[in-house]
Amino acid sequence: MITVLVRVTHGPEALAATLSALVPAVAAGLVGDAVILAREQDEVLAKVADAAGASLVVAENVSWRDGVEVARREWLLCLDDGDIPQEGWIRVLDRFVGLAQPEQGLARFRRHGAGMSGLMRRVFLRSRIHAGDLVHRRVLLNEVKARTPVRLSARIERDPVFG
């Protein structure tokens, strides 16, 4: 099982879109819990998190590491609100988590339409954790240095409403 970390930048509607896309993975036994990361306390976000059974972490400078303390699993899927994993992602992640060693530390979803900016980000920021990365908690806690990310065959797209 994995924990999903969802960073909120577009609001409760984008968060709801991402959380609803995760329901099949919960039913399949892949996603065990979720942590919502927000910059400021928001009553609507708190209600969405509560309805989804997720933890809400409020921190001024939201980082993936803020969610590690609350996460219950070793592998963490980092998403931005409005991210929608595409067909086949559950099987891909389940297989990766079942076979990967913690030392591997990092796997990356493919992003549709990442274009030149995505290429530049991959070349120059390989070791940074991005939305769409599956990362072992020891990497986020700086206990283990991540190797070059494994490129997963699964894709993530943005909900077009939230860009």
N, C-alpha and C. Protein backbone atom coordinates (compact mmCIF):
# COMPACT_ATOMS: atom_id res chain seq x y z
N MET A 1 0.83 -1.19 0.00
CA MET A 1 0.00 0.00 0.00
C MET A 1 0.87 1.26 0.00
N ILE A 2 0.30 2.33 -0.51
CA ILE A 2 1.00 3.60 -0.58
C ILE A 2 0.17 4.70 0.08
N THR A 3 0.85 5.79 0.41
CA THR A 3 0.19 7.01 0.85
C THR A 3 0.23 7.99 -0.31
N VAL A 4 -0.85 8.71 -0.52
CA VAL A 4 -0.87 9.75 -1.54
C VAL A 4 -0.78 11.11 -0.85
N LEU A 5 0.18 11.92 -1.29
CA LEU A 5 0.33 13.29 -0.82
C LEU A 5 -0.22 14.20 -1.90
N VAL A 6 -1.20 15.03 -1.58
CA VAL A 6 -1.79 15.93 -2.57
C VAL A 6 -1.56 17.37 -2.13
N ARG A 7 -0.80 18.08 -2.93
CA ARG A 7 -0.49 19.49 -2.66
C ARG A 7 -1.59 20.36 -3.28
N VAL A 8 -2.21 21.21 -2.47
CA VAL A 8 -3.33 22.03 -2.94
C VAL A 8 -2.84 23.42 -3.35
N THR A 9 -3.10 23.77 -4.61
CA THR A 9 -2.79 25.11 -5.10
C THR A 9 -3.98 25.72 -5.83
N HIS A 10 -4.92 24.89 -6.28
CA HIS A 10 -6.06 25.38 -7.05
C HIS A 10 -7.38 25.35 -6.28
N GLY A 11 -7.40 24.79 -5.10
CA GLY A 11 -8.60 24.82 -4.29
C GLY A 11 -9.33 23.50 -4.17
N PRO A 12 -10.46 23.53 -3.47
CA PRO A 12 -11.19 22.31 -3.14
C PRO A 12 -11.73 21.55 -4.35
N GLU A 13 -12.10 22.25 -5.42
CA GLU A 13 -12.64 21.56 -6.60
C GLU A 13 -11.56 20.71 -7.27
N ALA A 14 -10.36 21.28 -7.39
CA ALA A 14 -9.25 20.52 -7.98
C ALA A 14 -8.86 19.36 -7.08
N LEU A 15 -8.87 19.58 -5.79
CA LEU A 15 -8.58 18.51 -4.83
C LEU A 15 -9.60 17.39 -4.97
N ALA A 16 -10.87 17.72 -5.06
CA ALA A 16 -11.92 16.71 -5.20
C ALA A 16 -11.74 15.90 -6.49
N ALA A 17 -11.33 16.56 -7.57
CA ALA A 17 -11.10 15.85 -8.84
C ALA A 17 -9.99 14.81 -8.69
N THR A 18 -8.92 15.19 -8.02
CA THR A 18 -7.81 14.25 -7.82
C THR A 18 -8.21 13.13 -6.88
N LEU A 19 -8.84 13.46 -5.77
CA LEU A 19 -9.24 12.43 -4.82
C LEU A 19 -10.22 11.43 -5.44
N SER A 20 -11.14 11.91 -6.26
CA SER A 20 -12.10 10.98 -6.89
C SER A 20 -11.40 10.04 -7.86
N ALA A 21 -10.32 10.49 -8.49
CA ALA A 21 -9.56 9.63 -9.40
C ALA A 21 -8.82 8.53 -8.65
N LEU A 22 -8.66 8.70 -7.34
CA LEU A 22 -7.93 7.71 -6.53
C LEU A 22 -8.83 6.60 -5.98
N VAL A 23 -10.13 6.78 -6.07
CA VAL A 23 -11.08 5.81 -5.49
C VAL A 23 -10.84 4.38 -5.99
N PRO A 24 -10.64 4.15 -7.29
CA PRO A 24 -10.38 2.77 -7.73
C PRO A 24 -9.12 2.16 -7.10
N ALA A 25 -8.11 2.99 -6.83
CA ALA A 25 -6.88 2.48 -6.21
C ALA A 25 -7.10 2.12 -4.74
N VAL A 26 -8.00 2.85 -4.08
CA VAL A 26 -8.37 2.50 -2.71
C VAL A 26 -9.09 1.16 -2.72
N ALA A 27 -10.04 1.01 -3.63
CA ALA A 27 -10.80 -0.24 -3.74
C ALA A 27 -9.90 -1.42 -4.09
N ALA A 28 -8.85 -1.16 -4.88
CA ALA A 28 -7.92 -2.22 -5.29
C ALA A 28 -6.90 -2.55 -4.19
N GLY A 29 -6.88 -1.76 -3.13
CA GLY A 29 -5.95 -2.01 -2.03
C GLY A 29 -4.57 -1.39 -2.23
N LEU A 30 -4.40 -0.53 -3.21
CA LEU A 30 -3.10 0.11 -3.44
C LEU A 30 -2.93 1.34 -2.56
N VAL A 31 -3.93 2.19 -2.49
CA VAL A 31 -3.84 3.42 -1.70
C VAL A 31 -4.42 3.14 -0.32
N GLY A 32 -3.60 3.35 0.69
CA GLY A 32 -4.03 3.11 2.06
C GLY A 32 -4.46 4.35 2.79
N ASP A 33 -3.87 5.49 2.45
CA ASP A 33 -4.23 6.74 3.09
C ASP A 33 -3.80 7.90 2.21
N ALA A 34 -4.30 9.09 2.57
CA ALA A 34 -3.97 10.30 1.82
C ALA A 34 -3.69 11.44 2.80
N VAL A 35 -2.78 12.31 2.38
CA VAL A 35 -2.44 13.49 3.16
C VAL A 35 -2.59 14.70 2.24
N ILE A 36 -3.38 15.66 2.68
CA ILE A 36 -3.62 16.88 1.91
C ILE A 36 -2.69 17.95 2.46
N LEU A 37 -1.93 18.60 1.59
CA LEU A 37 -0.97 19.64 1.98
C LEU A 37 -1.48 20.99 1.50
N ALA A 38 -1.70 21.92 2.42
CA ALA A 38 -2.24 23.23 2.07
C ALA A 38 -1.42 24.34 2.73
N ARG A 39 -1.41 25.51 2.11
CA ARG A 39 -0.66 26.66 2.63
C ARG A 39 -1.36 27.36 3.79
N GLU A 40 -2.68 27.31 3.79
CA GLU A 40 -3.43 27.99 4.84
C GLU A 40 -4.65 27.18 5.23
N GLN A 41 -5.09 27.39 6.45
CA GLN A 41 -6.28 26.70 6.94
C GLN A 41 -7.49 27.14 6.13
N ASP A 42 -8.29 26.20 5.69
CA ASP A 42 -9.46 26.48 4.88
C ASP A 42 -10.56 25.50 5.29
N GLU A 43 -11.71 26.03 5.66
CA GLU A 43 -12.80 25.19 6.16
C GLU A 43 -13.29 24.21 5.10
N VAL A 44 -13.37 24.66 3.85
CA VAL A 44 -13.85 23.77 2.78
C VAL A 44 -12.84 22.65 2.54
N LEU A 45 -11.54 22.98 2.50
CA LEU A 45 -10.52 21.94 2.34
C LEU A 45 -10.59 20.93 3.50
N ALA A 46 -10.80 21.44 4.70
CA ALA A 46 -10.90 20.56 5.86
C ALA A 46 -12.09 19.61 5.71
N LYS A 47 -13.20 20.10 5.19
CA LYS A 47 -14.37 19.24 4.99
C LYS A 47 -14.12 18.20 3.90
N VAL A 48 -13.46 18.60 2.80
CA VAL A 48 -13.13 17.64 1.73
C VAL A 48 -12.19 16.57 2.26
N ALA A 49 -11.16 16.98 3.00
CA ALA A 49 -10.21 16.02 3.57
C ALA A 49 -10.93 15.06 4.52
N ASP A 50 -11.78 15.59 5.37
CA ASP A 50 -12.51 14.76 6.33
C ASP A 50 -13.42 13.77 5.61
N ALA A 51 -14.13 14.24 4.59
CA ALA A 51 -15.04 13.36 3.83
C ALA A 51 -14.27 12.24 3.13
N ALA A 52 -13.03 12.53 2.73
CA ALA A 52 -12.22 11.52 2.04
C ALA A 52 -11.44 10.64 3.02
N GLY A 53 -11.51 10.95 4.30
CA GLY A 53 -10.74 10.19 5.29
C GLY A 53 -9.26 10.51 5.23
N ALA A 54 -8.93 11.70 4.72
CA ALA A 54 -7.53 12.11 4.57
C ALA A 54 -7.12 13.03 5.71
N SER A 55 -5.83 13.10 5.95
CA SER A 55 -5.27 14.03 6.93
C SER A 55 -4.98 15.34 6.23
N LEU A 56 -5.16 16.45 6.93
CA LEU A 56 -4.86 17.77 6.38
C LEU A 56 -3.68 18.35 7.14
N VAL A 57 -2.64 18.73 6.39
CA VAL A 57 -1.46 19.36 6.96
C VAL A 57 -1.38 20.77 6.40
N VAL A 58 -1.32 21.75 7.28
CA VAL A 58 -1.22 23.15 6.88
C VAL A 58 0.19 23.64 7.22
N ALA A 59 0.88 24.14 6.19
CA ALA A 59 2.24 24.66 6.38
C ALA A 59 2.44 25.82 5.40
N GLU A 60 3.07 26.87 5.88
CA GLU A 60 3.24 28.07 5.06
C GLU A 60 3.97 27.80 3.75
N ASN A 61 5.08 27.11 3.82
CA ASN A 61 5.85 26.74 2.62
C ASN A 61 5.65 25.25 2.39
N VAL A 62 4.57 24.91 1.75
CA VAL A 62 4.20 23.51 1.57
C VAL A 62 5.28 22.76 0.80
N SER A 63 5.73 21.66 1.40
CA SER A 63 6.68 20.78 0.71
C SER A 63 6.21 19.34 0.93
N TRP A 64 6.71 18.46 0.07
CA TRP A 64 6.33 17.05 0.18
C TRP A 64 6.74 16.50 1.54
N ARG A 65 7.84 17.00 2.06
CA ARG A 65 8.34 16.51 3.34
C ARG A 65 7.35 16.76 4.48
N ASP A 66 6.53 17.81 4.35
CA ASP A 66 5.52 18.10 5.38
C ASP A 66 4.55 16.93 5.57
N GLY A 67 4.33 16.16 4.53
CA GLY A 67 3.40 15.04 4.61
C GLY A 67 3.99 13.75 5.14
N VAL A 68 5.31 13.66 5.19
CA VAL A 68 5.96 12.42 5.60
C VAL A 68 5.62 12.05 7.04
N GLU A 69 5.57 13.04 7.91
CA GLU A 69 5.31 12.77 9.33
C GLU A 69 3.93 12.16 9.56
N VAL A 70 2.99 12.48 8.71
CA VAL A 70 1.61 12.02 8.86
C VAL A 70 1.36 10.74 8.05
N ALA A 71 2.12 10.55 6.99
CA ALA A 71 1.93 9.39 6.10
C ALA A 71 2.15 8.09 6.87
N ARG A 72 1.35 7.08 6.54
CA ARG A 72 1.43 5.80 7.24
C ARG A 72 2.19 4.73 6.45
N ARG A 73 2.50 5.00 5.21
CA ARG A 73 3.13 3.99 4.34
C ARG A 73 4.56 4.39 3.98
N GLU A 74 5.30 3.42 3.47
CA GLU A 74 6.69 3.67 3.09
C GLU A 74 6.81 4.38 1.74
N TRP A 75 5.93 4.03 0.80
CA TRP A 75 5.97 4.64 -0.53
C TRP A 75 4.91 5.73 -0.61
N LEU A 76 5.30 6.89 -1.16
CA LEU A 76 4.44 8.07 -1.20
C LEU A 76 4.28 8.53 -2.64
N LEU A 77 3.04 8.69 -3.08
CA LEU A 77 2.76 9.21 -4.40
C LEU A 77 2.46 10.70 -4.26
N CYS A 78 3.28 11.53 -4.88
CA CYS A 78 3.14 12.99 -4.80
C CYS A 78 2.32 13.50 -5.98
N LEU A 79 1.23 14.20 -5.68
CA LEU A 79 0.36 14.75 -6.72
C LEU A 79 0.01 16.19 -6.39
N ASP A 80 -0.25 16.98 -7.42
CA ASP A 80 -0.84 18.30 -7.25
C ASP A 80 -2.34 18.15 -7.45
N ASP A 81 -3.12 19.01 -6.79
CA ASP A 81 -4.56 18.96 -7.01
C ASP A 81 -4.84 19.23 -8.49
N GLY A 82 -5.73 18.46 -9.05
CA GLY A 82 -6.02 18.55 -10.48
C GLY A 82 -5.28 17.50 -11.29
N ASP A 83 -4.34 16.77 -10.69
CA ASP A 83 -3.66 15.66 -11.37
C ASP A 83 -4.59 14.46 -11.41
N ILE A 84 -4.64 13.81 -12.59
CA ILE A 84 -5.50 12.64 -12.77
C ILE A 84 -4.66 11.50 -13.35
N PRO A 85 -4.35 10.48 -12.53
CA PRO A 85 -3.65 9.30 -13.08
C PRO A 85 -4.51 8.63 -14.15
N GLN A 86 -3.86 8.17 -15.21
CA GLN A 86 -4.57 7.60 -16.35
C GLN A 86 -4.64 6.07 -16.26
N GLU A 87 -5.48 5.51 -17.12
CA GLU A 87 -5.75 4.07 -17.13
C GLU A 87 -4.47 3.25 -17.03
N GLY A 88 -4.51 2.24 -16.18
CA GLY A 88 -3.40 1.31 -16.02
C GLY A 88 -2.43 1.68 -14.90
N TRP A 89 -2.61 2.83 -14.28
CA TRP A 89 -1.64 3.29 -13.29
C TRP A 89 -1.63 2.42 -12.04
N ILE A 90 -2.76 1.86 -11.67
CA ILE A 90 -2.83 1.06 -10.44
C ILE A 90 -1.95 -0.18 -10.59
N ARG A 91 -2.07 -0.86 -11.70
CA ARG A 91 -1.26 -2.06 -11.96
C ARG A 91 0.22 -1.73 -11.97
N VAL A 92 0.59 -0.63 -12.63
CA VAL A 92 2.00 -0.22 -12.74
C VAL A 92 2.59 0.08 -11.36
N LEU A 93 1.88 0.85 -10.55
CA LEU A 93 2.39 1.19 -9.22
C LEU A 93 2.41 -0.02 -8.29
N ASP A 94 1.38 -0.85 -8.37
CA ASP A 94 1.34 -2.04 -7.53
C ASP A 94 2.55 -2.94 -7.82
N ARG A 95 2.86 -3.10 -9.08
CA ARG A 95 4.03 -3.93 -9.46
C ARG A 95 5.33 -3.29 -8.99
N PHE A 96 5.47 -1.98 -9.20
CA PHE A 96 6.70 -1.30 -8.80
C PHE A 96 6.90 -1.39 -7.29
N VAL A 97 5.87 -1.08 -6.52
CA VAL A 97 5.98 -1.11 -5.06
C VAL A 97 6.28 -2.53 -4.57
N GLY A 98 5.72 -3.52 -5.22
CA GLY A 98 5.96 -4.90 -4.83
C GLY A 98 7.37 -5.39 -5.11
N LEU A 99 8.03 -4.80 -6.10
CA LEU A 99 9.35 -5.28 -6.50
C LEU A 99 10.52 -4.36 -6.13
N ALA A 100 10.27 -3.08 -5.95
CA ALA A 100 11.35 -2.12 -5.75
C ALA A 100 11.91 -2.17 -4.34
N GLN A 101 13.19 -1.93 -4.25
CA GLN A 101 13.86 -1.80 -2.96
C GLN A 101 13.85 -0.33 -2.54
N PRO A 102 13.85 -0.04 -1.25
CA PRO A 102 13.87 1.36 -0.80
C PRO A 102 15.02 2.17 -1.39
N GLU A 103 16.14 1.51 -1.67
CA GLU A 103 17.29 2.21 -2.22
C GLU A 103 17.01 2.77 -3.62
N GLN A 104 16.06 2.15 -4.34
CA GLN A 104 15.69 2.71 -5.64
C GLN A 104 15.12 4.10 -5.41
N GLY A 105 14.23 4.20 -4.46
CA GLY A 105 13.79 5.47 -3.93
C GLY A 105 12.87 6.35 -4.73
N LEU A 106 12.87 6.26 -6.07
CA LEU A 106 12.12 7.24 -6.85
C LEU A 106 11.68 6.67 -8.20
N ALA A 107 10.40 6.85 -8.49
CA ALA A 107 9.85 6.48 -9.79
C ALA A 107 9.00 7.64 -10.27
N ARG A 108 8.93 7.83 -11.57
CA ARG A 108 8.26 9.02 -12.11
C ARG A 108 7.24 8.63 -13.17
N PHE A 109 6.01 9.14 -12.99
CA PHE A 109 4.96 9.00 -13.99
C PHE A 109 5.35 9.80 -15.24
N ARG A 110 4.82 9.42 -16.36
CA ARG A 110 4.96 10.22 -17.58
C ARG A 110 3.86 11.26 -17.57
N ARG A 111 4.17 12.43 -18.09
CA ARG A 111 3.18 13.51 -18.17
C ARG A 111 2.90 13.80 -19.62
N HIS A 112 1.62 13.81 -19.97
CA HIS A 112 1.20 14.13 -21.32
C HIS A 112 1.45 15.61 -21.59
N GLY A 113 2.07 15.90 -22.71
CA GLY A 113 2.25 17.29 -23.13
C GLY A 113 3.26 18.06 -22.31
N ALA A 114 4.21 17.38 -21.67
CA ALA A 114 5.22 18.10 -20.89
C ALA A 114 6.14 18.92 -21.78
N GLY A 115 6.32 18.48 -23.03
CA GLY A 115 7.07 19.26 -24.02
C GLY A 115 8.47 19.60 -23.60
N MET A 116 8.96 20.74 -24.11
CA MET A 116 10.33 21.17 -23.85
C MET A 116 10.56 21.49 -22.38
N SER A 117 9.58 22.08 -21.72
CA SER A 117 9.77 22.42 -20.30
C SER A 117 9.92 21.14 -19.47
N GLY A 118 9.18 20.11 -19.82
CA GLY A 118 9.31 18.83 -19.13
C GLY A 118 10.67 18.20 -19.36
N LEU A 119 11.16 18.30 -20.58
CA LEU A 119 12.48 17.77 -20.90
C LEU A 119 13.55 18.51 -20.10
N MET A 120 13.48 19.83 -20.06
CA MET A 120 14.46 20.62 -19.32
C MET A 120 14.41 20.29 -17.83
N ARG A 121 13.21 20.13 -17.30
CA ARG A 121 13.06 19.79 -15.88
C ARG A 121 13.69 18.43 -15.60
N ARG A 122 13.47 17.46 -16.49
CA ARG A 122 14.03 16.12 -16.28
C ARG A 122 15.55 16.14 -16.35
N VAL A 123 16.11 16.94 -17.24
CA VAL A 123 17.56 16.97 -17.40
C VAL A 123 18.24 17.68 -16.23
N PHE A 124 17.72 18.82 -15.83
CA PHE A 124 18.40 19.65 -14.84
C PHE A 124 17.95 19.43 -13.40
N LEU A 125 16.80 18.86 -13.19
CA LEU A 125 16.28 18.69 -11.83
C LEU A 125 15.95 17.24 -11.54
N ARG A 126 16.82 16.34 -11.95
CA ARG A 126 16.55 14.91 -11.80
C ARG A 126 16.26 14.49 -10.36
N SER A 127 17.00 15.02 -9.42
CA SER A 127 16.87 14.53 -8.05
C SER A 127 15.75 15.21 -7.27
N ARG A 128 15.20 16.32 -7.76
CA ARG A 128 14.08 16.96 -7.06
C ARG A 128 12.83 16.11 -7.19
N ILE A 129 12.01 16.17 -6.17
CA ILE A 129 10.76 15.44 -6.18
C ILE A 129 9.69 16.33 -6.80
N HIS A 130 8.94 15.79 -7.75
CA HIS A 130 7.91 16.52 -8.48
C HIS A 130 6.56 15.86 -8.27
N ALA A 131 5.51 16.59 -8.57
CA ALA A 131 4.19 15.98 -8.64
C ALA A 131 4.24 14.91 -9.72
N GLY A 132 3.74 13.74 -9.42
CA GLY A 132 3.80 12.62 -10.36
C GLY A 132 4.93 11.66 -10.03
N ASP A 133 5.59 11.88 -8.89
CA ASP A 133 6.66 10.99 -8.46
C ASP A 133 6.17 10.06 -7.36
N LEU A 134 6.63 8.84 -7.41
CA LEU A 134 6.44 7.88 -6.34
C LEU A 134 7.78 7.80 -5.63
N VAL A 135 7.81 8.16 -4.36
CA VAL A 135 9.08 8.27 -3.65
C VAL A 135 9.01 7.51 -2.33
N HIS A 136 10.12 6.89 -1.97
CA HIS A 136 10.19 6.20 -0.70
C HIS A 136 10.39 7.23 0.41
N ARG A 137 9.75 7.03 1.54
CA ARG A 137 9.81 8.00 2.63
C ARG A 137 11.24 8.29 3.08
N ARG A 138 12.14 7.30 2.98
CA ARG A 138 13.53 7.51 3.39
C ARG A 138 14.22 8.53 2.50
N VAL A 139 13.79 8.65 1.25
CA VAL A 139 14.35 9.67 0.36
C VAL A 139 13.90 11.05 0.80
N LEU A 140 12.61 11.20 1.10
CA LEU A 140 12.10 12.50 1.54
C LEU A 140 12.69 12.93 2.88
N LEU A 141 13.05 11.97 3.70
CA LEU A 141 13.66 12.28 5.00
C LEU A 141 15.18 12.43 4.90
N ASN A 142 15.69 12.36 3.67
CA ASN A 142 17.14 12.47 3.40
C ASN A 142 17.97 11.39 4.10
N GLU A 143 17.37 10.23 4.32
CA GLU A 143 18.10 9.10 4.88
C GLU A 143 18.79 8.31 3.78
N VAL A 144 18.24 8.38 2.57
CA VAL A 144 18.77 7.68 1.41
C VAL A 144 18.75 8.64 0.24
N LYS A 145 19.82 8.65 -0.55
CA LYS A 145 19.85 9.47 -1.76
C LYS A 145 19.20 8.69 -2.89
N ALA A 146 18.23 9.32 -3.55
CA ALA A 146 17.52 8.64 -4.64
C ALA A 146 18.43 8.45 -5.84
N ARG A 147 18.28 7.33 -6.48
CA ARG A 147 18.96 7.09 -7.75
C ARG A 147 18.20 7.83 -8.84
N THR A 148 18.68 7.73 -10.06
CA THR A 148 17.96 8.31 -11.19
C THR A 148 16.55 7.72 -11.21
N PRO A 149 15.53 8.55 -11.37
CA PRO A 149 14.16 8.04 -11.31
C PRO A 149 13.88 6.97 -12.36
N VAL A 150 13.13 5.96 -11.95
CA VAL A 150 12.62 4.96 -12.88
C VAL A 150 11.46 5.60 -13.61
N ARG A 151 11.45 5.52 -14.93
CA ARG A 151 10.35 6.07 -15.74
C ARG A 151 9.24 5.03 -15.81
N LEU A 152 8.13 5.32 -15.17
CA LEU A 152 7.00 4.40 -15.19
C LEU A 152 6.24 4.51 -16.51
N SER A 153 5.59 3.43 -16.89
CA SER A 153 4.79 3.47 -18.12
C SER A 153 3.44 4.14 -17.90
N ALA A 154 3.08 4.38 -16.65
CA ALA A 154 1.81 5.03 -16.34
C ALA A 154 1.91 6.53 -16.59
N ARG A 155 0.76 7.14 -16.88
CA ARG A 155 0.70 8.57 -17.20
C ARG A 155 -0.19 9.32 -16.22
N ILE A 156 0.13 10.60 -16.07
CA ILE A 156 -0.72 11.53 -15.32
C ILE A 156 -1.04 12.69 -16.24
N GLU A 157 -2.28 13.11 -16.21
CA GLU A 157 -2.67 14.31 -16.96
C GLU A 157 -3.31 15.29 -15.99
N ARG A 158 -3.32 16.54 -16.38
CA ARG A 158 -4.00 17.58 -15.60
C ARG A 158 -5.45 17.64 -16.03
N ASP A 159 -6.33 17.80 -15.07
CA ASP A 159 -7.73 18.06 -15.41
C ASP A 159 -7.73 19.39 -16.15
N PRO A 160 -8.28 19.47 -17.36
CA PRO A 160 -8.20 20.69 -18.15
C PRO A 160 -8.84 21.91 -17.48
N VAL A 161 -9.75 21.71 -16.59
CA VAL A 161 -10.39 22.83 -15.89
C VAL A 161 -9.38 23.55 -15.00
N PHE A 162 -8.39 22.80 -14.49
CA PHE A 162 -7.44 23.37 -13.55
C PHE A 162 -6.05 23.58 -14.15
N GLY A 163 -5.94 23.39 -15.46
CA GLY A 163 -4.71 23.67 -16.19
C GLY A 163 -3.60 22.83 -15.78
